[in-house]
């Protein structure tokens, strides 16, 4: 997996975020050694019985860590 420092990611944000939207994932490294992964998530709310806002807060969310 390709990785970038926070500064590198911020400097090239538009181009890198477009790559994420096209399906790529990256590791972003902070100066203190901690890291996060940025990846594309697709969630179709057009046929959902639940309110789409619940996606970000419920226990079944892909966003929960």
Protein backbone atom coordinates (compact mmCIF):
# COMPACT_ATOMS: atom_id res chain seq x y z
CA UNK A 1 0.00 0.00 0.00
CA UNK A 2 1.32 3.41 -0.95
CA UNK A 3 1.92 5.74 2.00
CA UNK A 4 2.25 9.48 2.48
CA UNK A 5 3.09 11.78 5.35
CA UNK A 6 0.36 14.13 6.53
CA UNK A 7 2.21 17.03 4.86
CA UNK A 8 2.50 15.16 1.55
CA UNK A 9 -1.17 14.22 1.62
CA UNK A 10 -2.25 17.77 2.40
CA UNK A 11 0.00 19.21 -0.29
CA UNK A 12 -1.44 16.90 -2.99
CA UNK A 13 -4.91 16.52 -1.45
CA UNK A 14 -7.04 17.05 -4.58
CA UNK A 15 -5.10 14.60 -6.74
CA UNK A 16 -4.79 11.98 -4.00
CA UNK A 17 -8.44 12.25 -2.95
CA UNK A 18 -9.47 11.77 -6.57
CA UNK A 19 -7.41 8.57 -6.60
CA UNK A 20 -9.23 7.42 -3.45
CA UNK A 21 -12.58 8.14 -5.10
CA UNK A 22 -11.42 5.92 -7.97
CA UNK A 23 -10.79 3.00 -5.62
CA UNK A 24 -7.24 3.36 -4.31
CA UNK A 25 -6.33 3.23 -0.61
CA UNK A 26 -3.42 4.91 1.16
CA UNK A 27 -1.71 4.92 4.52
CA UNK A 28 -1.18 8.42 5.98
CA UNK A 29 1.61 8.71 8.53
CA UNK A 30 1.65 11.34 11.29
CA UNK A 31 4.95 12.75 12.63
CA UNK A 32 4.47 10.80 15.88
CA UNK A 33 4.39 7.49 13.98
CA UNK A 34 0.64 6.94 14.15
CA UNK A 35 -1.09 6.09 10.89
CA UNK A 36 -4.55 6.00 9.34
CA UNK A 37 -5.86 4.36 6.21
CA UNK A 38 -7.96 6.32 3.74
CA UNK A 39 -10.13 4.19 1.48
CA UNK A 40 -13.22 4.52 -0.66
CA UNK A 41 -16.50 3.46 0.94
CA UNK A 42 -19.65 3.13 -1.09
CA UNK A 43 -22.97 3.18 0.73
CA UNK A 44 -26.15 3.21 -1.32
CA UNK A 45 -28.94 5.02 0.54
CA UNK A 46 -31.41 5.08 -2.33
CA UNK A 47 -33.22 1.94 -1.16
CA UNK A 48 -32.51 2.08 2.56
CA UNK A 49 -35.17 1.55 5.20
CA UNK A 50 -32.96 3.36 7.69
CA UNK A 51 -32.20 7.04 7.79
CA UNK A 52 -28.83 7.51 6.04
CA UNK A 53 -27.54 9.57 8.98
CA UNK A 54 -27.77 6.45 11.17
CA UNK A 55 -25.07 4.87 9.01
CA UNK A 56 -22.42 7.00 10.69
CA UNK A 57 -23.53 6.19 14.23
CA UNK A 58 -24.87 2.65 14.49
CA UNK A 59 -22.99 -0.44 15.59
CA UNK A 60 -23.12 -1.98 12.11
CA UNK A 61 -21.36 0.94 10.45
CA UNK A 62 -18.24 0.42 8.36
CA UNK A 63 -17.00 3.68 9.85
CA UNK A 64 -16.87 2.40 13.42
CA UNK A 65 -13.36 1.47 14.51
